Each structure stands twice: as structure tokens, then as C-alpha cells.
Amino acid sequence: MIIGLIAIFSVIVFIDLPGLLKKTNQRAKTMIVYFFLLAAGLTISIMQLLEKAPVSPAKIIEKMVKLIILR
């Protein structure tokens, strides 16, 4: 299942990247941001496949508010 997910992400990169590079003059910055977002998406997808989904931002904010209020 994970190999299939990686294959799908690879196909997306090969289809999307040439068109993305034609539209920009700042290729280095574009590549850094593109691969950072792609890696984040791949990481979250793999974690969901392994049934270890990341903590939602709402829970993190809730814990921070509780820490501040209960001091």
C-alpha cells in the first residue's frame, strides 16, 4: 500500500513539475517550497496508512490555552 502511495506521488511530480518550472523565474525557491509541501503531504498520507494520524492543530491549540489558563 505504501509503495502504491509513493508511486502515485511520483507520477504527480513527473506530470506537475515541467509545467510548474515553465511558469516561474525563481526555480530554486519554487523547487524548495514544492518539495517541502510534497514531503509533508506524503508523510501525513503514510502516517494515515499506518493508522498513526498526526494530532490535529485544534488539539494542540486547546492544550496550549489550557496551559496558559491553568497557570
N, C-alpha and C. Protein backbone atom coordinates (compact mmCIF):
# COMPACT_ATOMS: atom_id res chain seq x y z
N MET A 1 0.81 -1.18 0.00
CA MET A 1 0.00 0.00 0.00
C MET A 1 0.87 1.26 0.00
N ILE A 2 1.95 1.23 0.80
CA ILE A 2 2.83 2.39 0.86
C ILE A 2 3.58 2.57 -0.45
N ILE A 3 3.95 1.48 -1.08
CA ILE A 3 4.64 1.57 -2.36
C ILE A 3 3.73 2.18 -3.42
N GLY A 4 2.46 1.83 -3.38
CA GLY A 4 1.48 2.42 -4.30
C GLY A 4 1.33 3.91 -4.06
N LEU A 5 1.33 4.32 -2.81
CA LEU A 5 1.22 5.73 -2.47
C LEU A 5 2.43 6.51 -2.98
N ILE A 6 3.61 5.95 -2.79
CA ILE A 6 4.83 6.60 -3.28
C ILE A 6 4.81 6.67 -4.81
N ALA A 7 4.31 5.63 -5.46
CA ALA A 7 4.21 5.62 -6.92
C ALA A 7 3.27 6.72 -7.40
N ILE A 8 2.15 6.89 -6.72
CA ILE A 8 1.19 7.93 -7.10
C ILE A 8 1.80 9.31 -6.92
N PHE A 9 2.51 9.53 -5.82
CA PHE A 9 3.16 10.82 -5.61
C PHE A 9 4.23 11.06 -6.68
N SER A 10 4.95 10.01 -7.09
CA SER A 10 5.97 10.15 -8.14
C SER A 10 5.34 10.54 -9.47
N VAL A 11 4.23 9.93 -9.79
CA VAL A 11 3.53 10.26 -11.04
C VAL A 11 3.06 11.71 -11.00
N ILE A 12 2.56 12.15 -9.87
CA ILE A 12 2.12 13.54 -9.74
C ILE A 12 3.29 14.48 -9.97
N VAL A 13 4.46 14.16 -9.42
CA VAL A 13 5.64 15.02 -9.60
C VAL A 13 6.03 15.07 -11.08
N PHE A 14 6.09 13.93 -11.74
CA PHE A 14 6.50 13.91 -13.14
C PHE A 14 5.52 14.63 -14.06
N ILE A 15 4.26 14.63 -13.71
CA ILE A 15 3.26 15.34 -14.51
C ILE A 15 3.26 16.82 -14.20
N ASP A 16 3.39 17.18 -12.95
CA ASP A 16 3.23 18.55 -12.50
C ASP A 16 4.48 19.41 -12.63
N LEU A 17 5.64 18.84 -12.42
CA LEU A 17 6.88 19.60 -12.34
C LEU A 17 7.25 20.36 -13.62
N PRO A 18 7.19 19.77 -14.80
CA PRO A 18 7.57 20.53 -16.00
C PRO A 18 6.71 21.79 -16.21
N GLY A 19 5.43 21.67 -16.00
CA GLY A 19 4.55 22.82 -16.15
C GLY A 19 4.81 23.88 -15.10
N LEU A 20 5.15 23.45 -13.90
CA LEU A 20 5.44 24.38 -12.81
C LEU A 20 6.72 25.16 -13.09
N LEU A 21 7.73 24.50 -13.61
CA LEU A 21 9.00 25.16 -13.87
C LEU A 21 8.94 26.13 -15.04
N LYS A 22 8.03 25.92 -15.98
CA LYS A 22 7.88 26.85 -17.10
C LYS A 22 7.27 28.17 -16.67
N LYS A 23 6.50 28.15 -15.60
CA LYS A 23 5.75 29.33 -15.18
C LYS A 23 6.49 30.22 -14.20
N THR A 24 7.70 29.87 -13.80
CA THR A 24 8.39 30.65 -12.77
C THR A 24 9.81 31.02 -13.20
N ASN A 25 10.27 32.13 -12.66
CA ASN A 25 11.65 32.56 -12.90
C ASN A 25 12.54 32.19 -11.73
N GLN A 26 11.98 31.98 -10.56
CA GLN A 26 12.74 31.63 -9.36
C GLN A 26 12.64 30.13 -9.13
N ARG A 27 13.36 29.38 -9.92
CA ARG A 27 13.23 27.92 -9.89
C ARG A 27 13.70 27.30 -8.58
N ALA A 28 14.76 27.82 -8.00
CA ALA A 28 15.29 27.23 -6.76
C ALA A 28 14.29 27.35 -5.62
N LYS A 29 13.74 28.54 -5.44
CA LYS A 29 12.76 28.74 -4.38
C LYS A 29 11.50 27.92 -4.63
N THR A 30 11.09 27.87 -5.88
CA THR A 30 9.90 27.10 -6.24
C THR A 30 10.10 25.62 -5.94
N MET A 31 11.27 25.09 -6.27
CA MET A 31 11.55 23.67 -6.03
C MET A 31 11.58 23.36 -4.54
N ILE A 32 12.16 24.25 -3.74
CA ILE A 32 12.24 24.03 -2.30
C ILE A 32 10.84 23.98 -1.69
N VAL A 33 10.02 24.96 -2.02
CA VAL A 33 8.65 25.00 -1.48
C VAL A 33 7.84 23.83 -1.98
N TYR A 34 7.94 23.52 -3.27
CA TYR A 34 7.18 22.42 -3.87
C TYR A 34 7.51 21.09 -3.19
N PHE A 35 8.79 20.79 -3.03
CA PHE A 35 9.17 19.51 -2.44
C PHE A 35 8.91 19.47 -0.94
N PHE A 36 8.97 20.62 -0.27
CA PHE A 36 8.60 20.65 1.14
C PHE A 36 7.12 20.30 1.32
N LEU A 37 6.26 20.93 0.53
CA LEU A 37 4.83 20.64 0.62
C LEU A 37 4.53 19.21 0.20
N LEU A 38 5.21 18.73 -0.82
CA LEU A 38 5.02 17.35 -1.28
C LEU A 38 5.46 16.36 -0.20
N ALA A 39 6.59 16.62 0.45
CA ALA A 39 7.07 15.74 1.52
C ALA A 39 6.12 15.75 2.71
N ALA A 40 5.58 16.92 3.03
CA ALA A 40 4.62 16.99 4.14
C ALA A 40 3.36 16.18 3.81
N GLY A 41 2.87 16.31 2.60
CA GLY A 41 1.69 15.54 2.19
C GLY A 41 1.95 14.05 2.19
N LEU A 42 3.12 13.65 1.70
CA LEU A 42 3.48 12.23 1.68
C LEU A 42 3.62 11.68 3.09
N THR A 43 4.23 12.44 3.97
CA THR A 43 4.40 12.00 5.36
C THR A 43 3.05 11.80 6.05
N ILE A 44 2.17 12.76 5.89
CA ILE A 44 0.84 12.65 6.51
C ILE A 44 0.07 11.47 5.92
N SER A 45 0.17 11.27 4.61
CA SER A 45 -0.52 10.14 3.97
C SER A 45 0.00 8.80 4.48
N ILE A 46 1.31 8.69 4.63
CA ILE A 46 1.88 7.44 5.14
C ILE A 46 1.45 7.20 6.58
N MET A 47 1.44 8.27 7.38
CA MET A 47 1.01 8.12 8.78
C MET A 47 -0.44 7.67 8.85
N GLN A 48 -1.28 8.17 7.96
CA GLN A 48 -2.67 7.74 7.96
C GLN A 48 -2.80 6.29 7.51
N LEU A 49 -1.97 5.86 6.57
CA LEU A 49 -1.99 4.46 6.16
C LEU A 49 -1.59 3.53 7.30
N LEU A 50 -0.66 3.98 8.11
CA LEU A 50 -0.19 3.19 9.24
C LEU A 50 -1.09 3.34 10.47
N GLU A 51 -2.18 4.08 10.30
CA GLU A 51 -3.16 4.35 11.36
C GLU A 51 -2.51 5.08 12.54
N LYS A 52 -1.61 5.97 12.25
CA LYS A 52 -0.98 6.82 13.25
C LYS A 52 -1.11 8.26 12.79
N ALA A 53 -2.33 8.68 12.63
CA ALA A 53 -2.60 10.02 12.12
C ALA A 53 -2.02 11.08 13.06
N PRO A 54 -1.52 12.17 12.49
CA PRO A 54 -0.95 13.22 13.34
C PRO A 54 -2.04 13.92 14.16
N VAL A 55 -1.59 14.55 15.22
CA VAL A 55 -2.51 15.28 16.09
C VAL A 55 -3.03 16.49 15.34
N SER A 56 -4.31 16.76 15.49
CA SER A 56 -4.89 17.90 14.79
C SER A 56 -4.43 19.21 15.43
N PRO A 57 -4.31 20.26 14.64
CA PRO A 57 -3.89 21.56 15.19
C PRO A 57 -4.84 22.07 16.27
N ALA A 58 -6.11 21.74 16.16
CA ALA A 58 -7.07 22.19 17.18
C ALA A 58 -6.73 21.63 18.56
N LYS A 59 -6.29 20.37 18.62
CA LYS A 59 -5.93 19.77 19.91
C LYS A 59 -4.68 20.43 20.49
N ILE A 60 -3.74 20.78 19.64
CA ILE A 60 -2.52 21.44 20.11
C ILE A 60 -2.86 22.82 20.68
N ILE A 61 -3.69 23.58 19.96
CA ILE A 61 -4.10 24.91 20.42
C ILE A 61 -4.87 24.80 21.73
N GLU A 62 -5.73 23.80 21.82
CA GLU A 62 -6.52 23.60 23.04
C GLU A 62 -5.61 23.33 24.24
N LYS A 63 -4.60 22.50 24.06
CA LYS A 63 -3.66 22.21 25.15
C LYS A 63 -2.89 23.46 25.55
N MET A 64 -2.49 24.26 24.57
CA MET A 64 -1.74 25.48 24.89
C MET A 64 -2.61 26.47 25.68
N VAL A 65 -3.87 26.60 25.29
CA VAL A 65 -4.78 27.50 26.01
C VAL A 65 -4.98 27.02 27.44
N LYS A 66 -5.15 25.72 27.62
CA LYS A 66 -5.33 25.17 28.96
C LYS A 66 -4.10 25.41 29.83
N LEU A 67 -2.92 25.25 29.23
CA LEU A 67 -1.69 25.51 29.98
C LEU A 67 -1.61 26.97 30.44
N ILE A 68 -2.00 27.87 29.56
CA ILE A 68 -1.96 29.29 29.91
C ILE A 68 -2.99 29.63 30.98
N ILE A 69 -4.18 29.11 30.84
CA ILE A 69 -5.28 29.44 31.78
C ILE A 69 -5.04 28.81 33.14
N LEU A 70 -4.55 27.60 33.20
CA LEU A 70 -4.41 26.89 34.47
C LEU A 70 -3.14 27.24 35.23
N ARG A 71 -2.37 28.17 34.76
CA ARG A 71 -1.15 28.57 35.47
C ARG A 71 -1.48 29.27 36.70
